[in-house]
Amino acid sequence: MKKFIFITPEGNTTAPNGDEVENMQVIGIVEEVADENEALKKLLLENVWIFDAEFNIAEFICHEII
């Protein structure tokens, strides 16, 4: 079984000095799946907040963690 990490270029974060910074954000890590498609399905099923936050799933970048 494989492990994947999902990141997105959407959104901002606040730096320690209070400045708003554009950066990549980790959306989640999914373990015990066969492939990237299964990983995305599992990610979305286990994290309904992704829809509530209105992230564009098409923007997600997926990488297998070895």
N, C-alpha and C. Protein backbone atom coordinates (compact mmCIF):
# COMPACT_ATOMS: atom_id res chain seq x y z
N MET A 1 0.84 -1.18 0.00
CA MET A 1 0.00 0.00 0.00
C MET A 1 0.89 1.25 0.00
N LYS A 2 0.31 2.34 -0.48
CA LYS A 2 1.08 3.57 -0.66
C LYS A 2 0.59 4.70 0.22
N LYS A 3 1.40 5.76 0.25
CA LYS A 3 1.11 6.95 1.05
C LYS A 3 1.29 8.18 0.16
N PHE A 4 0.34 9.13 0.22
CA PHE A 4 0.38 10.32 -0.62
C PHE A 4 0.18 11.58 0.20
N ILE A 5 0.77 12.68 -0.27
CA ILE A 5 0.56 13.99 0.33
C ILE A 5 -0.10 14.88 -0.72
N PHE A 6 -1.07 15.67 -0.27
CA PHE A 6 -1.77 16.62 -1.15
C PHE A 6 -1.44 18.03 -0.70
N ILE A 7 -1.05 18.86 -1.66
CA ILE A 7 -0.77 20.26 -1.38
C ILE A 7 -1.56 21.12 -2.37
N THR A 8 -1.72 22.40 -2.04
CA THR A 8 -2.45 23.32 -2.91
C THR A 8 -1.76 24.68 -2.92
N PRO A 9 -1.81 25.36 -4.06
CA PRO A 9 -1.29 26.73 -4.12
C PRO A 9 -2.31 27.75 -3.64
N GLU A 10 -3.53 27.30 -3.34
CA GLU A 10 -4.59 28.22 -2.91
C GLU A 10 -4.42 28.61 -1.45
N GLY A 11 -4.84 29.81 -1.15
CA GLY A 11 -4.87 30.26 0.23
C GLY A 11 -3.63 31.01 0.64
N ASN A 12 -3.67 31.51 1.85
CA ASN A 12 -2.57 32.28 2.44
C ASN A 12 -2.34 31.80 3.85
N THR A 13 -1.24 32.24 4.42
CA THR A 13 -0.95 31.95 5.81
C THR A 13 -0.42 33.22 6.46
N THR A 14 -0.44 33.26 7.75
CA THR A 14 0.08 34.42 8.48
C THR A 14 1.46 34.09 9.04
N ALA A 15 2.43 34.93 8.70
CA ALA A 15 3.80 34.76 9.19
C ALA A 15 3.87 35.16 10.66
N PRO A 16 4.92 34.74 11.36
CA PRO A 16 5.08 35.11 12.77
C PRO A 16 5.05 36.63 13.00
N ASN A 17 5.48 37.42 12.01
CA ASN A 17 5.47 38.88 12.19
C ASN A 17 4.11 39.50 11.84
N GLY A 18 3.13 38.66 11.48
CA GLY A 18 1.79 39.15 11.18
C GLY A 18 1.51 39.41 9.72
N ASP A 19 2.54 39.35 8.87
CA ASP A 19 2.35 39.55 7.43
C ASP A 19 1.61 38.36 6.83
N GLU A 20 0.78 38.64 5.82
CA GLU A 20 0.12 37.58 5.09
C GLU A 20 1.04 37.12 3.97
N VAL A 21 1.21 35.80 3.84
CA VAL A 21 2.16 35.23 2.90
C VAL A 21 1.44 34.23 2.00
N GLU A 22 1.67 34.33 0.69
CA GLU A 22 1.17 33.30 -0.22
C GLU A 22 2.18 32.16 -0.25
N ASN A 23 1.68 30.94 -0.12
CA ASN A 23 2.57 29.79 -0.15
C ASN A 23 1.78 28.53 -0.46
N MET A 24 2.44 27.43 -0.59
CA MET A 24 1.79 26.14 -0.76
C MET A 24 1.33 25.65 0.62
N GLN A 25 0.19 25.00 0.64
CA GLN A 25 -0.34 24.49 1.90
C GLN A 25 -0.57 22.98 1.80
N VAL A 26 -0.24 22.28 2.85
CA VAL A 26 -0.53 20.86 2.91
C VAL A 26 -2.01 20.70 3.24
N ILE A 27 -2.71 19.97 2.38
CA ILE A 27 -4.12 19.70 2.61
C ILE A 27 -4.28 18.43 3.44
N GLY A 28 -3.46 17.44 3.18
CA GLY A 28 -3.56 16.21 3.96
C GLY A 28 -2.62 15.14 3.46
N ILE A 29 -2.48 14.13 4.29
CA ILE A 29 -1.67 12.96 3.96
C ILE A 29 -2.58 11.74 4.08
N VAL A 30 -2.54 10.89 3.07
CA VAL A 30 -3.39 9.71 3.03
C VAL A 30 -2.50 8.47 2.96
N GLU A 31 -2.81 7.50 3.80
CA GLU A 31 -2.03 6.27 3.86
C GLU A 31 -2.89 5.06 3.51
N GLU A 32 -2.23 3.96 3.20
CA GLU A 32 -2.90 2.69 2.97
C GLU A 32 -3.86 2.72 1.79
N VAL A 33 -3.39 3.26 0.65
CA VAL A 33 -4.17 3.29 -0.59
C VAL A 33 -3.34 2.71 -1.72
N ALA A 34 -4.02 2.31 -2.80
CA ALA A 34 -3.33 1.67 -3.92
C ALA A 34 -2.74 2.67 -4.90
N ASP A 35 -3.44 3.81 -5.09
CA ASP A 35 -2.99 4.76 -6.09
C ASP A 35 -3.49 6.18 -5.77
N GLU A 36 -3.12 7.12 -6.64
CA GLU A 36 -3.45 8.53 -6.44
C GLU A 36 -4.97 8.76 -6.44
N ASN A 37 -5.70 8.08 -7.31
CA ASN A 37 -7.15 8.26 -7.38
C ASN A 37 -7.83 7.80 -6.10
N GLU A 38 -7.41 6.67 -5.60
CA GLU A 38 -7.96 6.17 -4.34
C GLU A 38 -7.60 7.11 -3.19
N ALA A 39 -6.40 7.65 -3.24
CA ALA A 39 -5.95 8.59 -2.21
C ALA A 39 -6.82 9.84 -2.19
N LEU A 40 -7.14 10.38 -3.36
CA LEU A 40 -7.98 11.57 -3.42
C LEU A 40 -9.37 11.28 -2.88
N LYS A 41 -9.94 10.16 -3.25
CA LYS A 41 -11.27 9.78 -2.75
C LYS A 41 -11.26 9.68 -1.22
N LYS A 42 -10.25 9.02 -0.69
CA LYS A 42 -10.15 8.85 0.77
C LYS A 42 -9.96 10.20 1.46
N LEU A 43 -9.11 11.05 0.87
CA LEU A 43 -8.88 12.38 1.43
C LEU A 43 -10.18 13.15 1.55
N LEU A 44 -10.96 13.15 0.49
CA LEU A 44 -12.20 13.93 0.46
C LEU A 44 -13.27 13.33 1.38
N LEU A 45 -13.33 12.01 1.46
CA LEU A 45 -14.31 11.37 2.36
C LEU A 45 -14.00 11.64 3.83
N GLU A 46 -12.73 11.69 4.17
CA GLU A 46 -12.33 11.85 5.57
C GLU A 46 -12.18 13.31 5.99
N ASN A 47 -12.28 14.24 5.04
CA ASN A 47 -12.04 15.66 5.35
C ASN A 47 -13.08 16.55 4.65
N VAL A 48 -14.30 16.52 5.15
CA VAL A 48 -15.38 17.29 4.52
C VAL A 48 -15.12 18.80 4.58
N TRP A 49 -14.25 19.23 5.48
CA TRP A 49 -13.93 20.66 5.58
C TRP A 49 -13.31 21.19 4.30
N ILE A 50 -12.74 20.31 3.47
CA ILE A 50 -12.14 20.75 2.19
C ILE A 50 -13.21 21.38 1.32
N PHE A 51 -14.39 20.76 1.27
CA PHE A 51 -15.51 21.33 0.50
C PHE A 51 -16.03 22.60 1.17
N ASP A 52 -16.15 22.57 2.49
CA ASP A 52 -16.66 23.74 3.23
C ASP A 52 -15.76 24.96 3.03
N ALA A 53 -14.45 24.73 2.92
CA ALA A 53 -13.50 25.82 2.74
C ALA A 53 -13.41 26.27 1.27
N GLU A 54 -14.11 25.56 0.39
CA GLU A 54 -14.20 25.88 -1.03
C GLU A 54 -12.86 25.81 -1.77
N PHE A 55 -12.02 24.84 -1.39
CA PHE A 55 -10.80 24.61 -2.14
C PHE A 55 -11.15 24.05 -3.52
N ASN A 56 -10.37 24.41 -4.52
CA ASN A 56 -10.54 23.89 -5.87
C ASN A 56 -9.73 22.60 -5.97
N ILE A 57 -10.40 21.49 -5.97
CA ILE A 57 -9.74 20.19 -5.97
C ILE A 57 -8.86 20.00 -7.20
N ALA A 58 -9.22 20.64 -8.29
CA ALA A 58 -8.42 20.54 -9.53
C ALA A 58 -7.04 21.18 -9.35
N GLU A 59 -6.88 22.04 -8.36
CA GLU A 59 -5.59 22.69 -8.09
C GLU A 59 -4.67 21.83 -7.21
N PHE A 60 -5.20 20.76 -6.64
CA PHE A 60 -4.39 19.93 -5.73
C PHE A 60 -3.22 19.30 -6.48
N ILE A 61 -2.10 19.24 -5.80
CA ILE A 61 -0.90 18.57 -6.30
C ILE A 61 -0.69 17.36 -5.40
N CYS A 62 -0.50 16.21 -6.00
CA CYS A 62 -0.36 14.97 -5.25
C CYS A 62 1.02 14.37 -5.50
N HIS A 63 1.67 13.96 -4.42
CA HIS A 63 2.96 13.30 -4.53
C HIS A 63 2.96 12.05 -3.66
N GLU A 64 3.52 10.99 -4.21
CA GLU A 64 3.66 9.79 -3.39
C GLU A 64 4.81 9.99 -2.42
N ILE A 65 4.58 9.60 -1.20
CA ILE A 65 5.62 9.64 -0.15
C ILE A 65 6.25 8.27 -0.09
N ILE A 66 7.54 8.22 -0.26
CA ILE A 66 8.24 6.93 -0.25
C ILE A 66 8.93 6.71 1.08
